[in-house]
Amino acid sequence: MERVAITEKAQIIVQELKKKHGNLIFHQSGGCCDGSAPMLLPKEDFYIDDSDILLGELLEVPFYMNKDQFEYWKHTHLIIDVIEGRGASFSLEIPLGVRFIVHSKLLR
């Protein structure tokens, strides 16, 4: 079952950032700052452990979510999109003046 997808607009940003930064990872923690906003980070800068679940890949970029956060989202299909505006995270798209957001719909 596909759990995560990405809009065309967000794909353009991810491709641009892959060219600039190399291997990347999406992570959605549900922590502070932007709360449950997905963050795009250099793969080597983020430690994945047993508290993270792989939901899928977007443009060969793995998308992980913290287990506790997954409990809230487990009945949904996530669509990663991008909007104008600065988020309050360390995500790589922030200097571009955009930020990733999540749209969701219930799984059937």
C-alpha atoms as a PDB file:
ATOM      1  CA  MET A   1       0.000   0.000   0.000  1.00  0.00           C
ATOM      2  CA  GLU A   2       1.385   3.403  -0.957  1.00  0.00           C
ATOM      3  CA  ARG A   3       1.454   5.651   2.107  1.00  0.00           C
ATOM      4  CA  VAL A   4       3.199   8.731   0.763  1.00  0.00           C
ATOM      5  CA  ALA A   5       3.181  10.680  -2.516  1.00  0.00           C
ATOM      6  CA  ILE A   6       4.511  14.028  -3.722  1.00  0.00           C
ATOM      7  CA  THR A   7       3.073  16.822  -5.844  1.00  0.00           C
ATOM      8  CA  GLU A   8       4.744  17.968  -9.062  1.00  0.00           C
ATOM      9  CA  LYS A   9       5.553  21.327  -7.481  1.00  0.00           C
ATOM     10  CA  ALA A  10       7.296  19.624  -4.545  1.00  0.00           C
ATOM     11  CA  GLN A  11       9.124  17.266  -6.922  1.00  0.00           C
ATOM     12  CA  ILE A  12      10.812  20.253  -8.577  1.00  0.00           C
ATOM     13  CA  ILE A  13      12.118  21.489  -5.219  1.00  0.00           C
ATOM     14  CA  VAL A  14      13.342  18.018  -4.197  1.00  0.00           C
ATOM     15  CA  GLN A  15      15.173  17.550  -7.516  1.00  0.00           C
ATOM     16  CA  GLU A  16      16.825  20.964  -7.138  1.00  0.00           C
ATOM     17  CA  LEU A  17      17.953  20.158  -3.605  1.00  0.00           C
ATOM     18  CA  LYS A  18      19.209  16.680  -4.586  1.00  0.00           C
ATOM     19  CA  LYS A  19      21.467  18.309  -7.189  1.00  0.00           C
ATOM     20  CA  LYS A  20      22.824  20.724  -4.614  1.00  0.00           C
ATOM     21  CA  HIS A  21      23.112  18.452  -1.546  1.00  0.00           C
ATOM     22  CA  GLY A  22      23.339  14.864  -2.813  1.00  0.00           C
ATOM     23  CA  ASN A  23      21.582  12.048  -0.917  1.00  0.00           C
ATOM     24  CA  LEU A  24      18.622  13.279   1.106  1.00  0.00           C
ATOM     25  CA  ILE A  25      16.075  12.007   3.591  1.00  0.00           C
ATOM     26  CA  PHE A  26      12.575  13.164   4.529  1.00  0.00           C
ATOM     27  CA  HIS A  27      11.669  12.917   8.211  1.00  0.00           C
ATOM     28  CA  GLN A  28       8.482  13.866  10.017  1.00  0.00           C
ATOM     29  CA  SER A  29       8.902  13.865  13.763  1.00  0.00           C
ATOM     30  CA  GLY A  30       5.984  15.722  15.295  1.00  0.00           C
ATOM     31  CA  GLY A  31       8.432  17.579  17.503  1.00  0.00           C
ATOM     32  CA  CYS A  32       8.968  21.255  18.163  1.00  0.00           C
ATOM     33  CA  CYS A  33       9.260  24.164  15.727  1.00  0.00           C
ATOM     34  CA  ASP A  34       7.053  23.355  12.742  1.00  0.00           C
ATOM     35  CA  GLY A  35       5.470  20.466  14.622  1.00  0.00           C
ATOM     36  CA  SER A  36       4.637  17.714  12.176  1.00  0.00           C
ATOM     37  CA  ALA A  37       6.008  19.399   9.047  1.00  0.00           C
ATOM     38  CA  PRO A  38       8.134  17.075   6.913  1.00  0.00           C
ATOM     39  CA  MET A  39      11.794  18.041   6.877  1.00  0.00           C
ATOM     40  CA  LEU A  40      14.219  17.364   4.033  1.00  0.00           C
ATOM     41  CA  LEU A  41      17.756  16.854   5.294  1.00  0.00           C
ATOM     42  CA  PRO A  42      21.116  15.591   4.020  1.00  0.00           C
ATOM     43  CA  LYS A  43      21.012  11.827   4.571  1.00  0.00           C
ATOM     44  CA  GLU A  44      24.297  11.745   6.484  1.00  0.00           C
ATOM     45  CA  ASP A  45      23.075  14.474   8.869  1.00  0.00           C
ATOM     46  CA  PHE A  46      20.173  12.477  10.307  1.00  0.00           C
ATOM     47  CA  TYR A  47      20.325   9.365  12.462  1.00  0.00           C
ATOM     48  CA  ILE A  48      17.532   6.840  11.870  1.00  0.00           C
ATOM     49  CA  ASP A  49      16.854   4.410  14.704  1.00  0.00           C
ATOM     50  CA  ASP A  50      14.185   1.978  15.935  1.00  0.00           C
ATOM     51  CA  SER A  51      11.820   4.853  16.697  1.00  0.00           C
ATOM     52  CA  ASP A  52      11.487   5.683  12.970  1.00  0.00           C
ATOM     53  CA  ILE A  53       9.303   3.975  10.351  1.00  0.00           C
ATOM     54  CA  LEU A  54      10.021   4.007   6.616  1.00  0.00           C
ATOM     55  CA  LEU A  55       6.779   4.957   4.834  1.00  0.00           C
ATOM     56  CA  GLY A  56       8.168   4.916   1.302  1.00  0.00           C
ATOM     57  CA  GLU A  57      10.412   6.742  -1.138  1.00  0.00           C
ATOM     58  CA  LEU A  58       9.808   9.946  -3.074  1.00  0.00           C
ATOM     59  CA  LEU A  59      12.166  10.463  -6.029  1.00  0.00           C
ATOM     60  CA  GLU A  60      14.571   7.972  -4.414  1.00  0.00           C
ATOM     61  CA  VAL A  61      14.451   9.938  -1.154  1.00  0.00           C
ATOM     62  CA  PRO A  62      13.339   7.782   1.796  1.00  0.00           C
ATOM     63  CA  PHE A  63      10.472   9.196   3.870  1.00  0.00           C
ATOM     64  CA  TYR A  64      10.584   8.309   7.574  1.00  0.00           C
ATOM     65  CA  MET A  65       8.204   9.153  10.378  1.00  0.00           C
ATOM     66  CA  ASN A  66       8.653   8.822  14.113  1.00  0.00           C
ATOM     67  CA  LYS A  67       6.626   5.867  15.522  1.00  0.00           C
ATOM     68  CA  ASP A  68       4.692   8.092  17.915  1.00  0.00           C
ATOM     69  CA  GLN A  69       3.747  10.448  15.086  1.00  0.00           C
ATOM     70  CA  PHE A  70       2.795   7.472  12.895  1.00  0.00           C
ATOM     71  CA  GLU A  71       0.152   6.471  15.447  1.00  0.00           C
ATOM     72  CA  TYR A  72      -1.713   9.685  14.546  1.00  0.00           C
ATOM     73  CA  TRP A  73      -1.238   9.287  10.781  1.00  0.00           C
ATOM     74  CA  LYS A  74      -1.484   5.496  10.323  1.00  0.00           C
ATOM     75  CA  HIS A  75      -4.938   5.672   8.718  1.00  0.00           C
ATOM     76  CA  THR A  76      -3.928   8.281   6.146  1.00  0.00           C
ATOM     77  CA  HIS A  77      -2.223   8.604   2.797  1.00  0.00           C
ATOM     78  CA  LEU A  78       0.205  11.542   2.903  1.00  0.00           C
ATOM     79  CA  ILE A  79       0.793  13.904  -0.010  1.00  0.00           C
ATOM     80  CA  ILE A  80       3.898  16.063   0.311  1.00  0.00           C
ATOM     81  CA  ASP A  81       3.430  19.528  -1.161  1.00  0.00           C
ATOM     82  CA  VAL A  82       5.281  22.828  -1.017  1.00  0.00           C
ATOM     83  CA  ILE A  83       4.012  26.349  -0.343  1.00  0.00           C
ATOM     84  CA  GLU A  84       5.601  29.772  -0.259  1.00  0.00           C
ATOM     85  CA  GLY A  85       6.761  30.981   3.137  1.00  0.00           C
ATOM     86  CA  ARG A  86       9.432  30.166   5.635  1.00  0.00           C
ATOM     87  CA  GLY A  87       9.011  27.409   8.125  1.00  0.00           C
ATOM     88  CA  ALA A  88      10.701  27.262  11.497  1.00  0.00           C
ATOM     89  CA  SER A  89      12.769  24.155  10.828  1.00  0.00           C
ATOM     90  CA  PHE A  90      16.210  23.178   9.585  1.00  0.00           C
ATOM     91  CA  SER A  91      14.779  21.710   6.383  1.00  0.00           C
ATOM     92  CA  LEU A  92      16.811  22.345   3.222  1.00  0.00           C
ATOM     93  CA  GLU A  93      14.020  24.125   1.311  1.00  0.00           C
ATOM     94  CA  ILE A  94      13.715  27.000   3.828  1.00  0.00           C
ATOM     95  CA  PRO A  95      16.408  29.217   2.187  1.00  0.00           C
ATOM     96  CA  LEU A  96      14.430  28.956  -1.074  1.00  0.00           C
ATOM     97  CA  GLY A  97      11.502  30.776   0.573  1.00  0.00           C
ATOM     98  CA  VAL A  98       9.252  27.698   0.533  1.00  0.00           C
ATOM     99  CA  ARG A  99       8.370  24.932   2.935  1.00  0.00           C
ATOM    100  CA  PHE A 100       7.024  21.416   2.679  1.00  0.00           C
ATOM    101  CA  ILE A 101       3.567  20.643   4.037  1.00  0.00           C
ATOM    102  CA  VAL A 102       1.448  17.508   4.266  1.00  0.00           C
ATOM    103  CA  HIS A 103      -2.008  16.977   2.812  1.00  0.00           C
ATOM    104  CA  SER A 104      -3.693  13.779   3.902  1.00  0.00           C
ATOM    105  CA  LYS A 105      -6.632  11.611   2.995  1.00  0.00           C
ATOM    106  CA  LEU A 106      -8.018   8.571   4.759  1.00  0.00           C
ATOM    107  CA  LEU A 107      -6.913   5.185   3.522  1.00  0.00           C
ATOM    108  CA  ARG A 108      -9.719   2.884   2.438  1.00  0.00           C
END
